[in-house]
Full PDB file with SEQRES, HELIX, SHEET, SSBOND, CRYST1, ORIGX, SCALE, CONECT and MASTER records, all heavy atoms in Angstrom:
SEQRES   1 A   30  THR SER SER PHE LEU PRO VAL SER VAL PRO GLY ILE GLY          
SEQRES   2 A   30  GLY GLY SER GLN SER SER ASP VAL SER GLU ILE THR ARG          
SEQRES   3 A   30  GLU ILE ALA GLU                                              
HELIX    1 AA1 SER A   22  ALA A   29  1                                   8    
CRYST1    1.000    1.000    1.000  90.00  90.00  90.00 P 1           1          
ORIGX1      1.000000  0.000000  0.000000        0.00000                         
ORIGX2      0.000000  1.000000  0.000000        0.00000                         
ORIGX3      0.000000  0.000000  1.000000        0.00000                         
SCALE1      1.000000  0.000000  0.000000        0.00000                         
SCALE2      0.000000  1.000000  0.000000        0.00000                         
SCALE3      0.000000  0.000000  1.000000        0.00000                         
ATOM      1  N   THR A   1       0.822  -1.219   0.000  1.00  0.00           N  
ATOM      2  CA  THR A   1       0.000   0.000   0.000  1.00  0.00           C  
ATOM      3  C   THR A   1       0.849   1.258   0.000  1.00  0.00           C  
ATOM      4  O   THR A   1       0.326   2.353   0.137  1.00  0.00           O  
ATOM      5  CB  THR A   1      -0.912   0.012   1.240  1.00  0.00           C  
ATOM      6  OG1 THR A   1      -0.093  -0.027   2.426  1.00  0.00           O  
ATOM      7  CG2 THR A   1      -1.832  -1.193   1.236  1.00  0.00           C  
ATOM      8  N   SER A   2       2.199   1.065  -0.104  1.00  0.00           N  
ATOM      9  CA  SER A   2       3.142   2.194  -0.082  1.00  0.00           C  
ATOM     10  C   SER A   2       3.108   2.957   1.223  1.00  0.00           C  
ATOM     11  O   SER A   2       3.495   4.112   1.305  1.00  0.00           O  
ATOM     12  CB  SER A   2       2.860   3.173  -1.240  1.00  0.00           C  
ATOM     13  OG  SER A   2       3.024   2.519  -2.470  1.00  0.00           O  
ATOM     14  N   SER A   3       2.571   2.333   2.277  1.00  0.00           N  
ATOM     15  CA  SER A   3       2.576   2.965   3.598  1.00  0.00           C  
ATOM     16  C   SER A   3       3.665   2.331   4.437  1.00  0.00           C  
ATOM     17  O   SER A   3       3.980   1.155   4.267  1.00  0.00           O  
ATOM     18  CB  SER A   3       1.220   2.790   4.289  1.00  0.00           C  
ATOM     19  OG  SER A   3       0.953   1.405   4.474  1.00  0.00           O  
ATOM     20  N   PHE A   4       4.205   3.082   5.347  1.00  0.00           N  
ATOM     21  CA  PHE A   4       5.301   2.578   6.183  1.00  0.00           C  
ATOM     22  C   PHE A   4       4.730   1.959   7.443  1.00  0.00           C  
ATOM     23  O   PHE A   4       4.137   2.630   8.274  1.00  0.00           O  
ATOM     24  CB  PHE A   4       6.240   3.738   6.548  1.00  0.00           C  
ATOM     25  CG  PHE A   4       7.542   3.277   7.119  1.00  0.00           C  
ATOM     26  CD1 PHE A   4       8.572   2.859   6.286  1.00  0.00           C  
ATOM     27  CD2 PHE A   4       7.739   3.237   8.484  1.00  0.00           C  
ATOM     28  CE1 PHE A   4       9.770   2.419   6.822  1.00  0.00           C  
ATOM     29  CE2 PHE A   4       8.941   2.801   9.011  1.00  0.00           C  
ATOM     30  CZ  PHE A   4       9.951   2.391   8.175  1.00  0.00           C  
ATOM     31  N   LEU A   5       4.860   0.641   7.568  1.00  0.00           N  
ATOM     32  CA  LEU A   5       4.293  -0.048   8.704  1.00  0.00           C  
ATOM     33  C   LEU A   5       5.288  -0.136   9.834  1.00  0.00           C  
ATOM     34  O   LEU A   5       6.475  -0.314   9.591  1.00  0.00           O  
ATOM     35  CB  LEU A   5       3.875  -1.469   8.276  1.00  0.00           C  
ATOM     36  CG  LEU A   5       2.809  -1.545   7.170  1.00  0.00           C  
ATOM     37  CD1 LEU A   5       2.515  -3.005   6.839  1.00  0.00           C  
ATOM     38  CD2 LEU A   5       1.533  -0.841   7.604  1.00  0.00           C  
ATOM     39  N   PRO A   6       4.829  -0.010  11.094  1.00  0.00           N  
ATOM     40  CA  PRO A   6       5.744  -0.074  12.228  1.00  0.00           C  
ATOM     41  C   PRO A   6       6.346  -1.459  12.398  1.00  0.00           C  
ATOM     42  O   PRO A   6       5.757  -2.468  12.030  1.00  0.00           O  
ATOM     43  CB  PRO A   6       4.858   0.287  13.424  1.00  0.00           C  
ATOM     44  CG  PRO A   6       3.475  -0.039  12.981  1.00  0.00           C  
ATOM     45  CD  PRO A   6       3.431   0.246  11.514  1.00  0.00           C  
ATOM     46  N   VAL A   7       7.525  -1.525  12.991  1.00  0.00           N  
ATOM     47  CA  VAL A   7       8.244  -2.768  13.172  1.00  0.00           C  
ATOM     48  C   VAL A   7       7.474  -3.731  14.057  1.00  0.00           C  
ATOM     49  O   VAL A   7       7.554  -4.945  13.903  1.00  0.00           O  
ATOM     50  CB  VAL A   7       9.628  -2.481  13.795  1.00  0.00           C  
ATOM     51  CG1 VAL A   7      10.389  -3.773  14.062  1.00  0.00           C  
ATOM     52  CG2 VAL A   7      10.449  -1.584  12.882  1.00  0.00           C  
ATOM     53  N   SER A   8       6.703  -3.203  14.991  1.00  0.00           N  
ATOM     54  CA  SER A   8       6.061  -4.052  15.987  1.00  0.00           C  
ATOM     55  C   SER A   8       4.859  -4.829  15.450  1.00  0.00           C  
ATOM     56  O   SER A   8       4.327  -5.683  16.132  1.00  0.00           O  
ATOM     57  CB  SER A   8       5.617  -3.202  17.188  1.00  0.00           C  
ATOM     58  OG  SER A   8       4.712  -2.199  16.763  1.00  0.00           O  
ATOM     59  N   VAL A   9       4.387  -4.534  14.219  1.00  0.00           N  
ATOM     60  CA  VAL A   9       3.223  -5.228  13.681  1.00  0.00           C  
ATOM     61  C   VAL A   9       3.595  -6.668  13.355  1.00  0.00           C  
ATOM     62  O   VAL A   9       4.479  -6.911  12.536  1.00  0.00           O  
ATOM     63  CB  VAL A   9       2.701  -4.525  12.409  1.00  0.00           C  
ATOM     64  CG1 VAL A   9       1.585  -5.348  11.776  1.00  0.00           C  
ATOM     65  CG2 VAL A   9       2.206  -3.132  12.758  1.00  0.00           C  
ATOM     66  N   PRO A  10       2.949  -7.667  13.975  1.00  0.00           N  
ATOM     67  CA  PRO A  10       3.280  -9.065  13.703  1.00  0.00           C  
ATOM     68  C   PRO A  10       2.722  -9.523  12.363  1.00  0.00           C  
ATOM     69  O   PRO A  10       1.714  -9.005  11.881  1.00  0.00           O  
ATOM     70  CB  PRO A  10       2.621  -9.812  14.870  1.00  0.00           C  
ATOM     71  CG  PRO A  10       1.456  -8.958  15.233  1.00  0.00           C  
ATOM     72  CD  PRO A  10       1.891  -7.545  15.001  1.00  0.00           C  
ATOM     73  N   GLY A  11       3.357 -10.508  11.748  1.00  0.00           N  
ATOM     74  CA  GLY A  11       2.864 -11.099  10.512  1.00  0.00           C  
ATOM     75  C   GLY A  11       2.730 -10.095   9.399  1.00  0.00           C  
ATOM     76  O   GLY A  11       1.756 -10.096   8.643  1.00  0.00           O  
ATOM     77  N   ILE A  12       3.691  -9.199   9.247  1.00  0.00           N  
ATOM     78  CA  ILE A  12       3.625  -8.144   8.248  1.00  0.00           C  
ATOM     79  C   ILE A  12       3.580  -8.750   6.843  1.00  0.00           C  
ATOM     80  O   ILE A  12       4.216  -9.764   6.578  1.00  0.00           O  
ATOM     81  CB  ILE A  12       4.822  -7.195   8.420  1.00  0.00           C  
ATOM     82  CG1 ILE A  12       4.632  -5.958   7.564  1.00  0.00           C  
ATOM     83  CG2 ILE A  12       6.125  -7.867   8.057  1.00  0.00           C  
ATOM     84  CD1 ILE A  12       5.605  -4.869   7.890  1.00  0.00           C  
ATOM     85  N   GLY A  13       2.784  -8.161   5.960  1.00  0.00           N  
ATOM     86  CA  GLY A  13       2.584  -8.740   4.638  1.00  0.00           C  
ATOM     87  C   GLY A  13       3.816  -8.642   3.756  1.00  0.00           C  
ATOM     88  O   GLY A  13       4.471  -9.615   3.461  1.00  0.00           O  
ATOM     89  N   GLY A  14       4.141  -7.440   3.354  1.00  0.00           N  
ATOM     90  CA  GLY A  14       5.314  -7.262   2.510  1.00  0.00           C  
ATOM     91  C   GLY A  14       4.957  -7.362   1.043  1.00  0.00           C  
ATOM     92  O   GLY A  14       4.289  -8.285   0.605  1.00  0.00           O  
ATOM     93  N   GLY A  15       5.387  -6.388   0.262  1.00  0.00           N  
ATOM     94  CA  GLY A  15       5.083  -6.400  -1.161  1.00  0.00           C  
ATOM     95  C   GLY A  15       5.943  -7.384  -1.922  1.00  0.00           C  
ATOM     96  O   GLY A  15       6.929  -7.896  -1.426  1.00  0.00           O  
ATOM     97  N   SER A  16       5.518  -7.625  -3.169  1.00  0.00           N  
ATOM     98  CA  SER A  16       6.251  -8.583  -3.998  1.00  0.00           C  
ATOM     99  C   SER A  16       7.638  -8.083  -4.348  1.00  0.00           C  
ATOM    100  O   SER A  16       8.492  -8.855  -4.766  1.00  0.00           O  
ATOM    101  CB  SER A  16       5.456  -8.854  -5.284  1.00  0.00           C  
ATOM    102  OG  SER A  16       5.268  -7.642  -6.017  1.00  0.00           O  
ATOM    103  N   GLN A  17       7.879  -6.769  -4.207  1.00  0.00           N  
ATOM    104  CA  GLN A  17       9.184  -6.204  -4.539  1.00  0.00           C  
ATOM    105  C   GLN A  17      10.159  -6.237  -3.365  1.00  0.00           C  
ATOM    106  O   GLN A  17      11.321  -5.881  -3.516  1.00  0.00           O  
ATOM    107  CB  GLN A  17       9.022  -4.758  -5.020  1.00  0.00           C  
ATOM    108  CG  GLN A  17       8.212  -4.640  -6.301  1.00  0.00           C  
ATOM    109  CD  GLN A  17       8.102  -3.207  -6.774  1.00  0.00           C  
ATOM    110  OE1 GLN A  17       8.767  -2.319  -6.256  1.00  0.00           O  
ATOM    111  NE2 GLN A  17       7.255  -2.966  -7.760  1.00  0.00           N  
ATOM    112  N   SER A  18       9.688  -6.643  -2.190  1.00  0.00           N  
ATOM    113  CA  SER A  18      10.584  -6.747  -1.041  1.00  0.00           C  
ATOM    114  C   SER A  18      11.628  -7.828  -1.301  1.00  0.00           C  
ATOM    115  O   SER A  18      11.353  -8.826  -1.976  1.00  0.00           O  
ATOM    116  CB  SER A  18       9.803  -7.093   0.230  1.00  0.00           C  
ATOM    117  OG  SER A  18       8.880  -6.074   0.555  1.00  0.00           O  
ATOM    118  N   SER A  19      12.827  -7.636  -0.764  1.00  0.00           N  
ATOM    119  CA  SER A  19      13.887  -8.622  -0.947  1.00  0.00           C  
ATOM    120  C   SER A  19      14.476  -8.999   0.405  1.00  0.00           C  
ATOM    121  O   SER A  19      14.243  -8.329   1.410  1.00  0.00           O  
ATOM    122  CB  SER A  19      14.983  -8.073  -1.867  1.00  0.00           C  
ATOM    123  OG  SER A  19      15.533  -6.882  -1.329  1.00  0.00           O  
ATOM    124  N   ASP A  20      15.237 -10.069   0.421  1.00  0.00           N  
ATOM    125  CA  ASP A  20      15.818 -10.598   1.647  1.00  0.00           C  
ATOM    126  C   ASP A  20      17.000  -9.729   2.072  1.00  0.00           C  
ATOM    127  O   ASP A  20      18.029  -9.668   1.389  1.00  0.00           O  
ATOM    128  CB  ASP A  20      16.284 -12.037   1.404  1.00  0.00           C  
ATOM    129  CG  ASP A  20      16.620 -12.764   2.697  1.00  0.00           C  
ATOM    130  OD1 ASP A  20      16.950 -12.088   3.688  1.00  0.00           O  
ATOM    131  OD2 ASP A  20      16.564 -14.008   2.703  1.00  0.00           O  
ATOM    132  N   VAL A  21      16.866  -9.047   3.206  1.00  0.00           N  
ATOM    133  CA  VAL A  21      17.925  -8.146   3.655  1.00  0.00           C  
ATOM    134  C   VAL A  21      19.177  -8.913   4.075  1.00  0.00           C  
ATOM    135  O   VAL A  21      20.276  -8.355   4.126  1.00  0.00           O  
ATOM    136  CB  VAL A  21      17.414  -7.249   4.813  1.00  0.00           C  
ATOM    137  CG1 VAL A  21      17.300  -8.055   6.107  1.00  0.00           C  
ATOM    138  CG2 VAL A  21      18.331  -6.048   5.025  1.00  0.00           C  
ATOM    139  N   SER A  22      19.027 -10.221   4.368  1.00  0.00           N  
ATOM    140  CA  SER A  22      20.194 -11.005   4.782  1.00  0.00           C  
ATOM    141  C   SER A  22      21.209 -11.158   3.650  1.00  0.00           C  
ATOM    142  O   SER A  22      22.368 -11.477   3.898  1.00  0.00           O  
ATOM    143  CB  SER A  22      19.766 -12.386   5.290  1.00  0.00           C  
ATOM    144  OG  SER A  22      19.238 -13.183   4.256  1.00  0.00           O  
ATOM    145  N   GLU A  23      20.766 -10.949   2.398  1.00  0.00           N  
ATOM    146  CA  GLU A  23      21.714 -10.992   1.292  1.00  0.00           C  
ATOM    147  C   GLU A  23      22.734  -9.856   1.419  1.00  0.00           C  
ATOM    148  O   GLU A  23      23.895  -9.993   1.059  1.00  0.00           O  
ATOM    149  CB  GLU A  23      20.976 -10.899  -0.042  1.00  0.00           C  
ATOM    150  CG  GLU A  23      20.081 -12.099  -0.331  1.00  0.00           C  
ATOM    151  CD  GLU A  23      19.341 -11.961  -1.641  1.00  0.00           C  
ATOM    152  OE1 GLU A  23      19.573 -10.946  -2.342  1.00  0.00           O  
ATOM    153  OE2 GLU A  23      18.532 -12.848  -1.970  1.00  0.00           O  
ATOM    154  N   ILE A  24      22.269  -8.710   1.954  1.00  0.00           N  
ATOM    155  CA  ILE A  24      23.173  -7.569   2.153  1.00  0.00           C  
ATOM    156  C   ILE A  24      24.043  -7.790   3.388  1.00  0.00           C  
ATOM    157  O   ILE A  24      25.257  -7.560   3.351  1.00  0.00           O  
ATOM    158  CB  ILE A  24      22.365  -6.263   2.291  1.00  0.00           C  
ATOM    159  CG1 ILE A  24      21.504  -6.031   1.057  1.00  0.00           C  
ATOM    160  CG2 ILE A  24      23.313  -5.083   2.515  1.00  0.00           C  
ATOM    161  CD1 ILE A  24      20.597  -4.818   1.161  1.00  0.00           C  
ATOM    162  N   THR A  25      23.412  -8.245   4.480  1.00  0.00           N  
ATOM    163  CA  THR A  25      24.197  -8.460   5.698  1.00  0.00           C  
ATOM    164  C   THR A  25      25.238  -9.552   5.496  1.00  0.00           C  
ATOM    165  O   THR A  25      26.304  -9.508   6.097  1.00  0.00           O  
ATOM    166  CB  THR A  25      23.277  -8.829   6.875  1.00  0.00           C  
ATOM    167  OG1 THR A  25      22.551 -10.025   6.566  1.00  0.00           O  
ATOM    168  CG2 THR A  25      22.296  -7.714   7.181  1.00  0.00           C  
ATOM    169  N   ARG A  26      24.932 -10.536   4.633  1.00  0.00           N  
ATOM    170  CA  ARG A  26      25.900 -11.592   4.351  1.00  0.00           C  
ATOM    171  C   ARG A  26      27.128 -11.015   3.640  1.00  0.00           C  
ATOM    172  O   ARG A  26      28.261 -11.398   3.927  1.00  0.00           O  
ATOM    173  CB  ARG A  26      25.259 -12.687   3.495  1.00  0.00           C  
ATOM    174  CG  ARG A  26      26.127 -13.935   3.337  1.00  0.00           C  
ATOM    175  CD  ARG A  26      25.433 -14.989   2.506  1.00  0.00           C  
ATOM    176  NE  ARG A  26      24.149 -15.359   3.087  1.00  0.00           N  
ATOM    177  CZ  ARG A  26      22.971 -15.123   2.514  1.00  0.00           C  
ATOM    178  NH1 ARG A  26      22.921 -14.500   1.353  1.00  0.00           N  
ATOM    179  NH2 ARG A  26      21.853 -15.499   3.108  1.00  0.00           N  
ATOM    180  N   GLU A  27      26.893 -10.079   2.733  1.00  0.00           N  
ATOM    181  CA  GLU A  27      28.014  -9.434   2.031  1.00  0.00           C  
ATOM    182  C   GLU A  27      28.906  -8.686   3.020  1.00  0.00           C  
ATOM    183  O   GLU A  27      30.128  -8.699   2.907  1.00  0.00           O  
ATOM    184  CB  GLU A  27      27.495  -8.467   0.976  1.00  0.00           C  
ATOM    185  CG  GLU A  27      27.038  -9.111  -0.300  1.00  0.00           C  
ATOM    186  CD  GLU A  27      26.769  -8.080  -1.378  1.00  0.00           C  
ATOM    187  OE1 GLU A  27      25.665  -7.503  -1.376  1.00  0.00           O  
ATOM    188  OE2 GLU A  27      27.657  -7.830  -2.202  1.00  0.00           O  
ATOM    189  N   ILE A  28      28.257  -8.025   3.976  1.00  0.00           N  
ATOM    190  CA  ILE A  28      29.024  -7.284   4.977  1.00  0.00           C  
ATOM    191  C   ILE A  28      29.801  -8.243   5.871  1.00  0.00           C  
ATOM    192  O   ILE A  28      30.979  -8.023   6.178  1.00  0.00           O  
ATOM    193  CB  ILE A  28      28.095  -6.386   5.815  1.00  0.00           C  
ATOM    194  CG1 ILE A  28      27.418  -5.345   4.917  1.00  0.00           C  
ATOM    195  CG2 ILE A  28      28.873  -5.694   6.926  1.00  0.00           C  
ATOM    196  CD1 ILE A  28      26.400  -4.490   5.630  1.00  0.00           C  
ATOM    197  N   ALA A  29      29.159  -9.334   6.286  1.00  0.00           N  
ATOM    198  CA  ALA A  29      29.819 -10.309   7.156  1.00  0.00           C  
ATOM    199  C   ALA A  29      31.016 -10.952   6.470  1.00  0.00           C  
ATOM    200  O   ALA A  29      32.011 -11.299   7.119  1.00  0.00           O  
ATOM    201  CB  ALA A  29      28.817 -11.377   7.589  1.00  0.00           C  
ATOM    202  N   GLU A  30      30.955 -11.102   5.145  1.00  0.00           N  
ATOM    203  CA  GLU A  30      32.053 -11.727   4.404  1.00  0.00           C  
ATOM    204  C   GLU A  30      33.311 -10.876   4.387  1.00  0.00           C  
ATOM    205  O   GLU A  30      34.378 -11.356   4.004  1.00  0.00           O  
ATOM    206  CB  GLU A  30      31.606 -12.034   2.978  1.00  0.00           C  
ATOM    207  CG  GLU A  30      30.631 -13.203   2.880  1.00  0.00           C  
ATOM    208  CD  GLU A  30      30.123 -13.425   1.468  1.00  0.00           C  
ATOM    209  OE1 GLU A  30      30.422 -12.581   0.590  1.00  0.00           O  
ATOM    210  OE2 GLU A  30      29.415 -14.422   1.243  1.00  0.00           O  
TER     211      GLU A  30                                                      
MASTER        0    0    0    1    0    0    0    6  210    1    0    3          
END                                                                             
């Protein structure tokens, strides 16, 4: 919905364009 949802909301939906942030953190950890 292009709205910014708070972190505390459980079971957040997430749009189809969302990506796995761990791919970025993995690059940093490497």
